[in-house]
């Protein structure tokens, strides 16, 4: 998800340079090859908060993330929580923010496998159901969200952040 977050973080910092932008790394992916290297190579600032959630069952990861994220949201009092993708951390952040009354933006909305046996599919559906700002990058994603009854005003067609990152690192 760092790959998806890098261009979003850069754009937010560029458009609102005087704003407070806080990065929370849940630590769901904690090994160097799945985490630190992306911060270094993609120019994402070091996390302001590291939750050190680690491995475990889906329920354990989700619960630990929610327990550790709640005091961060309480202390930081964000105007918006931006979550990428479809991992357990995504689900936990959405649930925590929504229950605390903080709006959520979901990057990579509307993607569907239509296989509810996949934990990621459940995470995607929940994130899109409760996200107030849904950032999507394909006509297929728009169609999926429309079919689920998601209001058009919540949908925002944007570029594919994975492609943005690829182009930025092309050389």
C-alpha atoms as a PDB file:
ATOM      1  CA  UNK A   1       0.000   0.000   0.000  1.00  0.00           C
ATOM      2  CA  UNK A   2       2.996   2.321   0.270  1.00  0.00           C
ATOM      3  CA  UNK A   3       3.178   2.185  -3.539  1.00  0.00           C
ATOM      4  CA  UNK A   4      -0.423   3.394  -3.734  1.00  0.00           C
ATOM      5  CA  UNK A   5       0.081   6.011  -1.039  1.00  0.00           C
ATOM      6  CA  UNK A   6       3.249   7.672  -2.360  1.00  0.00           C
ATOM      7  CA  UNK A   7       1.644   9.770  -5.133  1.00  0.00           C
ATOM      8  CA  UNK A   8      -1.354  10.630  -2.929  1.00  0.00           C
ATOM      9  CA  UNK A   9       0.925  11.826  -0.134  1.00  0.00           C
ATOM     10  CA  UNK A  10       3.014  13.868  -2.568  1.00  0.00           C
ATOM     11  CA  UNK A  11      -0.066  15.471  -4.138  1.00  0.00           C
ATOM     12  CA  UNK A  12      -1.578  16.337  -0.752  1.00  0.00           C
ATOM     13  CA  UNK A  13       1.665  17.922   0.437  1.00  0.00           C
ATOM     14  CA  UNK A  14       1.959  19.863  -2.821  1.00  0.00           C
ATOM     15  CA  UNK A  15      -1.625  21.149  -2.806  1.00  0.00           C
ATOM     16  CA  UNK A  16      -1.828  21.878   0.915  1.00  0.00           C
ATOM     17  CA  UNK A  17       1.780  22.547   1.943  1.00  0.00           C
ATOM     18  CA  UNK A  18       0.789  24.218   5.219  1.00  0.00           C
ATOM     19  CA  UNK A  19      -1.540  21.382   6.213  1.00  0.00           C
ATOM     20  CA  UNK A  20      -0.679  18.749   8.767  1.00  0.00           C
ATOM     21  CA  UNK A  21      -0.232  15.419   7.002  1.00  0.00           C
ATOM     22  CA  UNK A  22       0.179  12.475   9.346  1.00  0.00           C
ATOM     23  CA  UNK A  23       1.303   9.049   8.170  1.00  0.00           C
ATOM     24  CA  UNK A  24       0.338   6.021  10.227  1.00  0.00           C
ATOM     25  CA  UNK A  25       2.069   2.747   9.409  1.00  0.00           C
ATOM     26  CA  UNK A  26       0.170  -0.134  10.936  1.00  0.00           C
ATOM     27  CA  UNK A  27       3.044  -2.560  10.614  1.00  0.00           C
ATOM     28  CA  UNK A  28       0.815  -5.228   9.099  1.00  0.00           C
ATOM     29  CA  UNK A  29       3.599  -5.570   6.545  1.00  0.00           C
ATOM     30  CA  UNK A  30       6.731  -5.140   8.590  1.00  0.00           C
ATOM     31  CA  UNK A  31       9.626  -6.741   6.805  1.00  0.00           C
ATOM     32  CA  UNK A  32      12.054  -4.452   4.982  1.00  0.00           C
ATOM     33  CA  UNK A  33      11.097  -5.724   1.512  1.00  0.00           C
ATOM     34  CA  UNK A  34       7.387  -5.086   2.167  1.00  0.00           C
ATOM     35  CA  UNK A  35       7.698  -1.801   4.034  1.00  0.00           C
ATOM     36  CA  UNK A  36      10.808   0.295   4.721  1.00  0.00           C
ATOM     37  CA  UNK A  37      12.195   0.069   1.220  1.00  0.00           C
ATOM     38  CA  UNK A  38       9.076   1.735  -0.176  1.00  0.00           C
ATOM     39  CA  UNK A  39       9.384   4.700   2.161  1.00  0.00           C
ATOM     40  CA  UNK A  40      13.011   5.110   1.104  1.00  0.00           C
ATOM     41  CA  UNK A  41      12.640   4.611  -2.639  1.00  0.00           C
ATOM     42  CA  UNK A  42       9.308   6.373  -3.121  1.00  0.00           C
ATOM     43  CA  UNK A  43      10.119   9.428  -1.043  1.00  0.00           C
ATOM     44  CA  UNK A  44       7.273   8.914   1.407  1.00  0.00           C
ATOM     45  CA  UNK A  45       8.075  10.664   4.680  1.00  0.00           C
ATOM     46  CA  UNK A  46       8.771   8.423   7.656  1.00  0.00           C
ATOM     47  CA  UNK A  47       5.613   7.435   9.516  1.00  0.00           C
ATOM     48  CA  UNK A  48       4.524   9.711  12.334  1.00  0.00           C
ATOM     49  CA  UNK A  49       3.038   6.697  14.087  1.00  0.00           C
ATOM     50  CA  UNK A  50       4.094   3.047  13.860  1.00  0.00           C
ATOM     51  CA  UNK A  51       1.494   0.675  15.285  1.00  0.00           C
ATOM     52  CA  UNK A  52       3.576  -2.551  15.051  1.00  0.00           C
ATOM     53  CA  UNK A  53       0.538  -4.748  14.433  1.00  0.00           C
ATOM     54  CA  UNK A  54       2.528  -7.622  12.908  1.00  0.00           C
ATOM     55  CA  UNK A  55       1.201 -11.005  11.853  1.00  0.00           C
ATOM     56  CA  UNK A  56      -1.783 -12.971  13.060  1.00  0.00           C
ATOM     57  CA  UNK A  57      -5.187 -14.093  11.952  1.00  0.00           C
ATOM     58  CA  UNK A  58      -7.396 -11.669  10.065  1.00  0.00           C
ATOM     59  CA  UNK A  59      -9.341 -10.951  13.239  1.00  0.00           C
ATOM     60  CA  UNK A  60      -6.192 -10.461  15.319  1.00  0.00           C
ATOM     61  CA  UNK A  61      -4.639  -8.034  12.823  1.00  0.00           C
ATOM     62  CA  UNK A  62      -7.870  -6.085  12.443  1.00  0.00           C
ATOM     63  CA  UNK A  63      -8.480  -5.898  16.193  1.00  0.00           C
ATOM     64  CA  UNK A  64      -4.884  -4.872  17.020  1.00  0.00           C
ATOM     65  CA  UNK A  65      -4.976  -2.186  14.353  1.00  0.00           C
ATOM     66  CA  UNK A  66      -8.260  -0.793  15.672  1.00  0.00           C
ATOM     67  CA  UNK A  67      -7.015  -0.811  19.279  1.00  0.00           C
ATOM     68  CA  UNK A  68      -3.764   0.940  18.365  1.00  0.00           C
ATOM     69  CA  UNK A  69      -5.228   3.355  15.816  1.00  0.00           C
ATOM     70  CA  UNK A  70      -8.037   4.692  18.006  1.00  0.00           C
ATOM     71  CA  UNK A  71      -5.741   6.666  20.361  1.00  0.00           C
ATOM     72  CA  UNK A  72      -3.831   8.038  17.351  1.00  0.00           C
ATOM     73  CA  UNK A  73      -7.036   9.355  15.780  1.00  0.00           C
ATOM     74  CA  UNK A  74      -8.103  10.699  19.169  1.00  0.00           C
ATOM     75  CA  UNK A  75      -4.800  12.575  19.584  1.00  0.00           C
ATOM     76  CA  UNK A  76      -4.397  13.769  15.976  1.00  0.00           C
ATOM     77  CA  UNK A  77      -8.061  14.685  15.388  1.00  0.00           C
ATOM     78  CA  UNK A  78      -7.838  14.429  11.576  1.00  0.00           C
ATOM     79  CA  UNK A  79     -10.266  16.060   9.167  1.00  0.00           C
ATOM     80  CA  UNK A  80      -9.984  13.014   6.918  1.00  0.00           C
ATOM     81  CA  UNK A  81      -8.468   9.527   7.084  1.00  0.00           C
ATOM     82  CA  UNK A  82      -7.123   8.305   3.731  1.00  0.00           C
ATOM     83  CA  UNK A  83      -6.838   4.537   3.311  1.00  0.00           C
ATOM     84  CA  UNK A  84      -5.477   2.625   0.319  1.00  0.00           C
ATOM     85  CA  UNK A  85      -6.216  -0.817  -0.982  1.00  0.00           C
ATOM     86  CA  UNK A  86      -7.824  -3.816   0.606  1.00  0.00           C
ATOM     87  CA  UNK A  87      -5.667  -5.261   3.401  1.00  0.00           C
ATOM     88  CA  UNK A  88      -6.788  -5.851   6.985  1.00  0.00           C
ATOM     89  CA  UNK A  89      -5.285  -2.489   7.959  1.00  0.00           C
ATOM     90  CA  UNK A  90      -7.597  -0.836   5.437  1.00  0.00           C
ATOM     91  CA  UNK A  91     -10.646  -2.460   6.988  1.00  0.00           C
ATOM     92  CA  UNK A  92      -9.530  -1.606  10.523  1.00  0.00           C
ATOM     93  CA  UNK A  93      -8.770   2.028   9.701  1.00  0.00           C
ATOM     94  CA  UNK A  94     -12.131   2.500   7.984  1.00  0.00           C
ATOM     95  CA  UNK A  95     -14.075   1.000  10.888  1.00  0.00           C
ATOM     96  CA  UNK A  96     -12.126   2.947  13.502  1.00  0.00           C
ATOM     97  CA  UNK A  97     -12.420   6.297  11.727  1.00  0.00           C
ATOM     98  CA  UNK A  98     -16.113   5.918  10.890  1.00  0.00           C
ATOM     99  CA  UNK A  99     -16.977   4.907  14.459  1.00  0.00           C
ATOM    100  CA  UNK A 100     -15.096   7.996  15.668  1.00  0.00           C
ATOM    101  CA  UNK A 101     -16.994  10.259  13.265  1.00  0.00           C
ATOM    102  CA  UNK A 102     -14.034  10.966  10.964  1.00  0.00           C
ATOM    103  CA  UNK A 103     -14.670  10.919   7.187  1.00  0.00           C
ATOM    104  CA  UNK A 104     -12.751   8.339   5.159  1.00  0.00           C
ATOM    105  CA  UNK A 105     -11.286   8.518   1.659  1.00  0.00           C
ATOM    106  CA  UNK A 106     -10.658   5.135   0.025  1.00  0.00           C
ATOM    107  CA  UNK A 107      -7.976   5.016  -2.671  1.00  0.00           C
ATOM    108  CA  UNK A 108      -8.543   2.269  -5.256  1.00  0.00           C
ATOM    109  CA  UNK A 109     -12.290   2.020  -4.746  1.00  0.00           C
ATOM    110  CA  UNK A 110     -14.646  -0.096  -6.764  1.00  0.00           C
ATOM    111  CA  UNK A 111     -12.316  -2.972  -7.530  1.00  0.00           C
ATOM    112  CA  UNK A 112     -14.078  -6.310  -7.178  1.00  0.00           C
ATOM    113  CA  UNK A 113     -13.233  -9.977  -7.603  1.00  0.00           C
ATOM    114  CA  UNK A 114     -16.804 -11.059  -6.730  1.00  0.00           C
ATOM    115  CA  UNK A 115     -15.298 -13.796  -4.552  1.00  0.00           C
ATOM    116  CA  UNK A 116     -16.469 -13.280  -0.971  1.00  0.00           C
ATOM    117  CA  UNK A 117     -14.183 -16.090   0.211  1.00  0.00           C
ATOM    118  CA  UNK A 118     -11.285 -13.640  -0.305  1.00  0.00           C
ATOM    119  CA  UNK A 119     -10.681 -11.525   2.821  1.00  0.00           C
ATOM    120  CA  UNK A 120      -9.572  -8.647   0.574  1.00  0.00           C
ATOM    121  CA  UNK A 121     -12.951  -8.626  -1.174  1.00  0.00           C
ATOM    122  CA  UNK A 122     -14.745  -8.185   2.141  1.00  0.00           C
ATOM    123  CA  UNK A 123     -12.316  -5.392   3.061  1.00  0.00           C
ATOM    124  CA  UNK A 124     -12.947  -3.611  -0.273  1.00  0.00           C
ATOM    125  CA  UNK A 125     -16.710  -3.776   0.087  1.00  0.00           C
ATOM    126  CA  UNK A 126     -16.659  -2.422   3.653  1.00  0.00           C
ATOM    127  CA  UNK A 127     -14.217   0.361   2.746  1.00  0.00           C
ATOM    128  CA  UNK A 128     -16.396   1.452  -0.164  1.00  0.00           C
ATOM    129  CA  UNK A 129     -19.621   1.182   1.810  1.00  0.00           C
ATOM    130  CA  UNK A 130     -18.378   3.472   4.567  1.00  0.00           C
ATOM    131  CA  UNK A 131     -15.952   5.737   2.688  1.00  0.00           C
ATOM    132  CA  UNK A 132     -17.244   9.253   2.128  1.00  0.00           C
ATOM    133  CA  UNK A 133     -14.779   9.911  -0.719  1.00  0.00           C
ATOM    134  CA  UNK A 134     -14.176   7.010  -3.092  1.00  0.00           C
ATOM    135  CA  UNK A 135     -11.245   7.421  -5.462  1.00  0.00           C
ATOM    136  CA  UNK A 136     -11.498   5.071  -8.423  1.00  0.00           C
ATOM    137  CA  UNK A 137      -9.608   4.693 -11.659  1.00  0.00           C
ATOM    138  CA  UNK A 138     -11.602   2.597 -14.096  1.00  0.00           C
ATOM    139  CA  UNK A 139     -14.990   2.489 -15.747  1.00  0.00           C
ATOM    140  CA  UNK A 140     -15.381  -1.017 -14.344  1.00  0.00           C
ATOM    141  CA  UNK A 141     -14.963   0.347 -10.794  1.00  0.00           C
ATOM    142  CA  UNK A 142     -17.623   2.987 -11.457  1.00  0.00           C
ATOM    143  CA  UNK A 143     -19.984   0.279 -12.692  1.00  0.00           C
ATOM    144  CA  UNK A 144     -19.309  -1.890  -9.638  1.00  0.00           C
ATOM    145  CA  UNK A 145     -20.047   0.940  -7.225  1.00  0.00           C
ATOM    146  CA  UNK A 146     -23.189   1.965  -9.114  1.00  0.00           C
ATOM    147  CA  UNK A 147     -24.401  -1.655  -8.985  1.00  0.00           C
ATOM    148  CA  UNK A 148     -23.910  -1.563  -5.200  1.00  0.00           C
ATOM    149  CA  UNK A 149     -26.025   1.584  -4.914  1.00  0.00           C
ATOM    150  CA  UNK A 150     -23.159   3.959  -4.065  1.00  0.00           C
ATOM    151  CA  UNK A 151     -24.109   7.594  -4.666  1.00  0.00           C
ATOM    152  CA  UNK A 152     -22.315   9.230  -7.589  1.00  0.00           C
ATOM    153  CA  UNK A 153     -21.312  12.263  -5.496  1.00  0.00           C
ATOM    154  CA  UNK A 154     -19.097  10.013  -3.353  1.00  0.00           C
ATOM    155  CA  UNK A 155     -17.197   8.752  -6.433  1.00  0.00           C
ATOM    156  CA  UNK A 156     -14.176  10.610  -7.771  1.00  0.00           C
ATOM    157  CA  UNK A 157     -12.499   9.386 -10.931  1.00  0.00           C
ATOM    158  CA  UNK A 158      -8.737   9.743 -10.556  1.00  0.00           C
ATOM    159  CA  UNK A 159      -5.594   8.283 -12.038  1.00  0.00           C
ATOM    160  CA  UNK A 160      -4.247   4.891 -11.082  1.00  0.00           C
ATOM    161  CA  UNK A 161      -1.765   5.611  -8.292  1.00  0.00           C
ATOM    162  CA  UNK A 162       0.151   2.409  -9.063  1.00  0.00           C
ATOM    163  CA  UNK A 163       0.778   3.733 -12.585  1.00  0.00           C
ATOM    164  CA  UNK A 164       1.772   7.120 -11.137  1.00  0.00           C
ATOM    165  CA  UNK A 165       4.386   5.384  -9.023  1.00  0.00           C
ATOM    166  CA  UNK A 166       5.598   3.313 -11.975  1.00  0.00           C
ATOM    167  CA  UNK A 167       6.004   6.424 -14.141  1.00  0.00           C
ATOM    168  CA  UNK A 168       7.809   8.265 -11.321  1.00  0.00           C
ATOM    169  CA  UNK A 169      10.327   5.423 -11.069  1.00  0.00           C
ATOM    170  CA  UNK A 170      10.568   4.708 -14.780  1.00  0.00           C
ATOM    171  CA  UNK A 171      14.192   5.826 -15.091  1.00  0.00           C
END
